[in-house]
C-alpha atoms as a PDB file:
ATOM      1  CA  MET A   1       0.000   0.000   0.000  1.00  0.00           C
ATOM      2  CA  ALA A   2       1.389   3.406  -1.012  1.00  0.00           C
ATOM      3  CA  LEU A   3       2.436   5.835   1.701  1.00  0.00           C
ATOM      4  CA  ASN A   4       0.720   9.231   1.618  1.00  0.00           C
ATOM      5  CA  VAL A   5       3.385  11.934   1.355  1.00  0.00           C
ATOM      6  CA  GLY A   6       1.856  15.353   2.014  1.00  0.00           C
ATOM      7  CA  ILE A   7       3.967  18.406   1.193  1.00  0.00           C
ATOM      8  CA  TYR A   8       2.811  21.619   2.874  1.00  0.00           C
ATOM      9  CA  LEU A   9       3.511  24.835   0.973  1.00  0.00           C
ATOM     10  CA  TYR A  10       2.452  28.462   1.262  1.00  0.00           C
ATOM     11  CA  ASP A  11       2.870  31.839  -0.409  1.00  0.00           C
ATOM     12  CA  ASN A  12       6.558  32.620  -0.973  1.00  0.00           C
ATOM     13  CA  ALA A  13       7.596  28.998  -0.477  1.00  0.00           C
ATOM     14  CA  GLU A  14      10.876  28.149  -2.196  1.00  0.00           C
ATOM     15  CA  VAL A  15       9.976  26.377  -5.459  1.00  0.00           C
ATOM     16  CA  LEU A  16      12.610  23.638  -5.299  1.00  0.00           C
ATOM     17  CA  ASP A  17      11.741  22.969  -1.649  1.00  0.00           C
ATOM     18  CA  PHE A  18       8.458  21.404  -2.744  1.00  0.00           C
ATOM     19  CA  ALA A  19       9.106  20.579  -6.411  1.00  0.00           C
ATOM     20  CA  GLY A  20      12.338  18.688  -5.637  1.00  0.00           C
ATOM     21  CA  PRO A  21      10.818  16.267  -3.096  1.00  0.00           C
ATOM     22  CA  PHE A  22       7.692  15.893  -5.270  1.00  0.00           C
ATOM     23  CA  GLU A  23       9.898  14.858  -8.193  1.00  0.00           C
ATOM     24  CA  VAL A  24      11.842  12.375  -6.054  1.00  0.00           C
ATOM     25  CA  PHE A  25       8.749  10.529  -4.825  1.00  0.00           C
ATOM     26  CA  SER A  26       6.991  10.571  -8.200  1.00  0.00           C
ATOM     27  CA  THR A  27      10.147   9.365  -9.992  1.00  0.00           C
ATOM     28  CA  ALA A  28      10.602   6.596  -7.413  1.00  0.00           C
ATOM     29  CA  ASN A  29       7.059   5.463  -8.204  1.00  0.00           C
ATOM     30  CA  ARG A  30       7.868   5.177 -11.915  1.00  0.00           C
ATOM     31  CA  LEU A  31      10.872   2.990 -11.156  1.00  0.00           C
ATOM     32  CA  HIS A  32       9.217   0.731  -8.585  1.00  0.00           C
ATOM     33  CA  SER A  33       7.196  -2.377  -9.420  1.00  0.00           C
ATOM     34  CA  GLU A  34       4.128  -0.698  -7.933  1.00  0.00           C
ATOM     35  CA  PRO A  35       3.605   2.829  -6.597  1.00  0.00           C
ATOM     36  CA  ALA A  36       5.218   3.157  -3.169  1.00  0.00           C
ATOM     37  CA  PHE A  37       4.092   6.756  -2.605  1.00  0.00           C
ATOM     38  CA  HIS A  38       1.026   8.923  -3.139  1.00  0.00           C
ATOM     39  CA  VAL A  39       2.628  12.366  -3.125  1.00  0.00           C
ATOM     40  CA  PHE A  40       0.529  15.533  -3.051  1.00  0.00           C
ATOM     41  CA  LEU A  41       0.717  19.248  -2.267  1.00  0.00           C
ATOM     42  CA  ILE A  42      -1.353  20.809   0.519  1.00  0.00           C
ATOM     43  CA  GLY A  43      -2.135  24.486   1.016  1.00  0.00           C
ATOM     44  CA  GLU A  44      -3.995  26.030   3.919  1.00  0.00           C
ATOM     45  CA  THR A  45      -7.099  26.838   1.846  1.00  0.00           C
ATOM     46  CA  GLY A  46      -6.466  24.989  -1.417  1.00  0.00           C
ATOM     47  CA  ALA A  47      -6.337  28.297  -3.309  1.00  0.00           C
ATOM     48  CA  THR A  48      -3.561  29.084  -5.803  1.00  0.00           C
ATOM     49  CA  ILE A  49      -0.248  29.694  -4.067  1.00  0.00           C
ATOM     50  CA  GLU A  50       2.339  32.121  -5.362  1.00  0.00           C
ATOM     51  CA  ALA A  51       5.710  30.660  -4.527  1.00  0.00           C
ATOM     52  CA  ARG A  52       9.064  32.434  -4.853  1.00  0.00           C
ATOM     53  CA  GLY A  53       9.641  34.253  -8.111  1.00  0.00           C
ATOM     54  CA  GLY A  54       5.926  34.410  -8.888  1.00  0.00           C
ATOM     55  CA  PHE A  55       5.643  30.659  -9.564  1.00  0.00           C
ATOM     56  CA  GLN A  56       1.946  29.823  -9.215  1.00  0.00           C
ATOM     57  CA  VAL A  57       0.769  26.387  -8.124  1.00  0.00           C
ATOM     58  CA  ILE A  58      -2.597  24.940  -7.174  1.00  0.00           C
ATOM     59  CA  PRO A  59      -2.289  22.446  -4.310  1.00  0.00           C
ATOM     60  CA  ALA A  60      -4.254  19.225  -4.643  1.00  0.00           C
ATOM     61  CA  TYR A  61      -5.709  19.612  -1.147  1.00  0.00           C
ATOM     62  CA  SER A  62      -6.452  22.060   1.653  1.00  0.00           C
ATOM     63  CA  PHE A  63      -6.314  21.531   5.413  1.00  0.00           C
ATOM     64  CA  ASN A  64      -9.948  20.416   5.267  1.00  0.00           C
ATOM     65  CA  ASN A  65      -9.902  17.702   2.622  1.00  0.00           C
ATOM     66  CA  HIS A  66      -6.504  15.975   2.402  1.00  0.00           C
ATOM     67  CA  PRO A  67      -6.048  12.223   2.911  1.00  0.00           C
ATOM     68  CA  PRO A  68      -4.353  10.929   6.069  1.00  0.00           C
ATOM     69  CA  ILE A  69      -0.657  11.784   5.957  1.00  0.00           C
ATOM     70  CA  ASP A  70       2.030   9.142   6.547  1.00  0.00           C
ATOM     71  CA  VAL A  71       4.969  11.434   5.726  1.00  0.00           C
ATOM     72  CA  LEU A  72       4.576  15.181   6.275  1.00  0.00           C
ATOM     73  CA  ILE A  73       7.080  17.495   4.581  1.00  0.00           C
ATOM     74  CA  VAL A  74       7.089  21.179   5.557  1.00  0.00           C
ATOM     75  CA  VAL A  75       8.946  23.368   3.086  1.00  0.00           C
ATOM     76  CA  GLY A  76      10.857  26.585   3.537  1.00  0.00           C
ATOM     77  CA  GLY A  77      10.908  29.956   1.881  1.00  0.00           C
ATOM     78  CA  VAL A  78       9.759  33.290   3.271  1.00  0.00           C
ATOM     79  CA  HIS A  79       8.181  31.575   6.244  1.00  0.00           C
ATOM     80  CA  THR A  80       7.722  34.405   8.766  1.00  0.00           C
ATOM     81  CA  ALA A  81       4.032  35.033   7.998  1.00  0.00           C
ATOM     82  CA  GLU A  82       3.304  31.317   8.535  1.00  0.00           C
ATOM     83  CA  LEU A  83       4.762  31.495  12.045  1.00  0.00           C
ATOM     84  CA  LEU A  84       1.999  33.939  12.991  1.00  0.00           C
ATOM     85  CA  LYS A  85      -0.890  31.710  11.849  1.00  0.00           C
ATOM     86  CA  PRO A  86      -2.344  29.670  14.753  1.00  0.00           C
ATOM     87  CA  ASN A  87      -4.370  27.565  12.300  1.00  0.00           C
ATOM     88  CA  VAL A  88      -1.212  26.550  10.421  1.00  0.00           C
ATOM     89  CA  LEU A  89       0.709  25.734  13.590  1.00  0.00           C
ATOM     90  CA  ARG A  90      -2.209  23.694  14.961  1.00  0.00           C
ATOM     91  CA  TRP A  91      -2.521  21.802  11.691  1.00  0.00           C
ATOM     92  CA  ILE A  92       1.202  20.997  11.612  1.00  0.00           C
ATOM     93  CA  GLY A  93       1.079  19.813  15.222  1.00  0.00           C
ATOM     94  CA  ALA A  94      -2.000  17.641  14.682  1.00  0.00           C
ATOM     95  CA  ASN A  95      -0.672  16.025  11.519  1.00  0.00           C
ATOM     96  CA  THR A  96       2.710  15.438  13.080  1.00  0.00           C
ATOM     97  CA  GLU A  97       1.050  13.398  15.815  1.00  0.00           C
ATOM     98  CA  SER A  98      -0.591  11.067  13.299  1.00  0.00           C
ATOM     99  CA  ALA A  99       2.210  10.895  10.685  1.00  0.00           C
ATOM    100  CA  LYS A 100       4.822   8.155  10.776  1.00  0.00           C
ATOM    101  CA  LEU A 101       7.540  10.585   9.717  1.00  0.00           C
ATOM    102  CA  VAL A 102       7.942  14.378   9.611  1.00  0.00           C
ATOM    103  CA  ALA A 103      10.490  16.238   7.505  1.00  0.00           C
ATOM    104  CA  SER A 104      11.385  19.828   6.744  1.00  0.00           C
ATOM    105  CA  VAL A 105      13.273  21.449   3.922  1.00  0.00           C
ATOM    106  CA  CYS A 106      15.292  24.596   4.566  1.00  0.00           C
ATOM    107  CA  THR A 107      13.424  27.051   6.838  1.00  0.00           C
ATOM    108  CA  GLY A 108      10.499  24.663   7.233  1.00  0.00           C
ATOM    109  CA  VAL A 109      12.304  23.712  10.439  1.00  0.00           C
ATOM    110  CA  PHE A 110      11.179  27.061  11.928  1.00  0.00           C
ATOM    111  CA  LEU A 111       7.553  25.989  11.446  1.00  0.00           C
ATOM    112  CA  LEU A 112       8.202  22.622  13.102  1.00  0.00           C
ATOM    113  CA  ALA A 113       9.900  24.328  16.047  1.00  0.00           C
ATOM    114  CA  THR A 114       7.228  27.014  16.454  1.00  0.00           C
ATOM    115  CA  ALA A 115       4.522  24.334  16.343  1.00  0.00           C
ATOM    116  CA  GLY A 116       6.339  22.478  19.146  1.00  0.00           C
ATOM    117  CA  VAL A 117       7.091  19.447  16.986  1.00  0.00           C
ATOM    118  CA  ILE A 118      10.808  19.717  17.719  1.00  0.00           C
ATOM    119  CA  GLN A 119      12.243  21.057  20.960  1.00  0.00           C
ATOM    120  CA  SER A 120      15.720  19.658  21.632  1.00  0.00           C
ATOM    121  CA  GLU A 121      16.476  17.512  18.579  1.00  0.00           C
ATOM    122  CA  THR A 122      19.501  17.764  16.325  1.00  0.00           C
ATOM    123  CA  VAL A 123      18.458  19.573  13.125  1.00  0.00           C
ATOM    124  CA  THR A 124      19.765  21.542  10.204  1.00  0.00           C
ATOM    125  CA  THR A 125      18.565  24.301   7.868  1.00  0.00           C
ATOM    126  CA  HIS A 126      19.911  26.626   5.175  1.00  0.00           C
ATOM    127  CA  TRP A 127      23.333  27.947   6.195  1.00  0.00           C
ATOM    128  CA  GLU A 128      22.096  31.545   6.024  1.00  0.00           C
ATOM    129  CA  ASP A 129      19.326  30.849   8.573  1.00  0.00           C
ATOM    130  CA  ILE A 130      21.357  28.943  11.160  1.00  0.00           C
ATOM    131  CA  PRO A 131      22.106  32.047  13.313  1.00  0.00           C
ATOM    132  CA  ASP A 132      18.382  32.915  13.503  1.00  0.00           C
ATOM    133  CA  LEU A 133      17.451  29.321  14.325  1.00  0.00           C
ATOM    134  CA  ARG A 134      20.043  29.272  17.131  1.00  0.00           C
ATOM    135  CA  ARG A 135      18.740  32.571  18.483  1.00  0.00           C
ATOM    136  CA  ASP A 136      15.053  31.664  18.311  1.00  0.00           C
ATOM    137  CA  PHE A 137      15.350  28.042  19.470  1.00  0.00           C
ATOM    138  CA  PRO A 138      18.423  27.737  21.698  1.00  0.00           C
ATOM    139  CA  ASN A 139      17.504  24.208  22.864  1.00  0.00           C
ATOM    140  CA  LEU A 140      17.874  22.761  19.378  1.00  0.00           C
ATOM    141  CA  HIS A 141      21.193  21.190  18.429  1.00  0.00           C
ATOM    142  CA  ILE A 142      22.031  22.580  15.003  1.00  0.00           C
ATOM    143  CA  LYS A 143      24.415  20.830  12.616  1.00  0.00           C
ATOM    144  CA  GLU A 144      26.162  22.906  10.008  1.00  0.00           C
ATOM    145  CA  ASN A 145      27.593  21.792   6.676  1.00  0.00           C
ATOM    146  CA  THR A 146      25.376  18.739   6.402  1.00  0.00           C
ATOM    147  CA  PRO A 147      22.691  18.078   3.771  1.00  0.00           C
ATOM    148  CA  TRP A 148      20.212  16.481   6.156  1.00  0.00           C
ATOM    149  CA  VAL A 149      19.853  15.182   9.704  1.00  0.00           C
ATOM    150  CA  ASP A 150      17.858  12.037  10.500  1.00  0.00           C
ATOM    151  CA  GLN A 151      16.518  11.945  14.062  1.00  0.00           C
ATOM    152  CA  ASP A 152      14.372   8.841  13.574  1.00  0.00           C
ATOM    153  CA  ARG A 153      10.871  10.324  13.346  1.00  0.00           C
ATOM    154  CA  VAL A 154      11.996  13.832  12.348  1.00  0.00           C
ATOM    155  CA  VAL A 155      14.292  14.508   9.386  1.00  0.00           C
ATOM    156  CA  THR A 156      15.465  18.024   8.501  1.00  0.00           C
ATOM    157  CA  SER A 157      17.455  19.250   5.527  1.00  0.00           C
ATOM    158  CA  ALA A 158      19.569  22.215   4.607  1.00  0.00           C
ATOM    159  CA  GLY A 159      18.439  24.637   1.934  1.00  0.00           C
ATOM    160  CA  ILE A 160      16.711  24.270  -1.409  1.00  0.00           C
ATOM    161  CA  SER A 161      18.382  21.439  -3.382  1.00  0.00           C
ATOM    162  CA  ALA A 162      19.260  19.631  -0.124  1.00  0.00           C
ATOM    163  CA  GLY A 163      15.583  18.661   0.029  1.00  0.00           C
ATOM    164  CA  ILE A 164      16.157  16.419  -2.995  1.00  0.00           C
ATOM    165  CA  GLY A 165      18.958  14.565  -1.229  1.00  0.00           C
ATOM    166  CA  MET A 166      16.881  14.281   1.944  1.00  0.00           C
ATOM    167  CA  SER A 167      13.942  12.909  -0.042  1.00  0.00           C
ATOM    168  CA  LEU A 168      16.195  10.305  -1.663  1.00  0.00           C
ATOM    169  CA  HIS A 169      17.292   9.372   1.858  1.00  0.00           C
ATOM    170  CA  LEU A 170      13.610   8.959   2.803  1.00  0.00           C
ATOM    171  CA  VAL A 171      13.025   6.715  -0.237  1.00  0.00           C
ATOM    172  CA  SER A 172      16.013   4.645   0.869  1.00  0.00           C
ATOM    173  CA  ARG A 173      14.687   4.437   4.407  1.00  0.00           C
ATOM    174  CA  LEU A 174      11.056   3.747   3.528  1.00  0.00           C
ATOM    175  CA  VAL A 175      11.531   1.393   0.560  1.00  0.00           C
ATOM    176  CA  SER A 176      15.144   0.516  -0.309  1.00  0.00           C
ATOM    177  CA  GLN A 177      18.552   1.992  -0.970  1.00  0.00           C
ATOM    178  CA  ASP A 178      18.469   0.430  -4.431  1.00  0.00           C
ATOM    179  CA  LEU A 179      15.313   2.363  -5.331  1.00  0.00           C
ATOM    180  CA  ALA A 180      16.854   5.594  -4.012  1.00  0.00           C
ATOM    181  CA  ILE A 181      20.028   5.058  -6.060  1.00  0.00           C
ATOM    182  CA  ARG A 182      18.026   4.318  -9.217  1.00  0.00           C
ATOM    183  CA  THR A 183      15.835   7.361  -8.579  1.00  0.00           C
ATOM    184  CA  ALA A 184      18.876   9.622  -8.196  1.00  0.00           C
ATOM    185  CA  ARG A 185      20.346   8.223 -11.408  1.00  0.00           C
ATOM    186  CA  GLN A 186      17.080   8.738 -13.290  1.00  0.00           C
ATOM    187  CA  MET A 187      16.984  12.345 -12.051  1.00  0.00           C
ATOM    188  CA  GLU A 188      20.684  12.787 -12.911  1.00  0.00           C
ATOM    189  CA  PHE A 189      21.230  13.952  -9.351  1.00  0.00           C
ATOM    190  CA  ASP A 190      24.601  13.384  -7.686  1.00  0.00           C
ATOM    191  CA  TRP A 191      23.316  11.893  -4.452  1.00  0.00           C
ATOM    192  CA  GLN A 192      25.768  11.481  -1.595  1.00  0.00           C
ATOM    193  CA  LEU A 193      24.801   8.758   0.877  1.00  0.00           C
ATOM    194  CA  SER A 194      25.385   9.999   4.420  1.00  0.00           C
END
């Protein structure tokens, strides 16, 4: 049975933060004997989202009508407005409780921390945002110069293209390393196992 991979995005989300992981899971499906993932985008209302650079995307689902989520991915971008939305933080918290695995790309880690999903874990984010993450969440252990950090149920990645590598790691973890390697090759992505 395919795992439901829900990717949460919002206005001013970084395009590759959601498009990269989406491509990884959908490419893995094409290479697997049967679909291992049902990957979909979720927006707060389901309305068109204007990501970075004016890239417009219509999420498949809103907070009110998405399927149960097995793997929740929270993306980064200009995230500060999202931190001020109680509805968003509640939704992230509630879906984290029911998901098997939670991941963030780039500054998505700020949303996980503000929602109380992570409190003292080891995490990473985009190099440019590490000082702010340290200041705002001093109990987190922040790793620099690493593409992703796996803390069992919570996986965080550095910025932008690092979300592709993290998603390949999730494919490896959830299905097989062979499928992840074949997916990286199909995408012509130089994936470093770590």
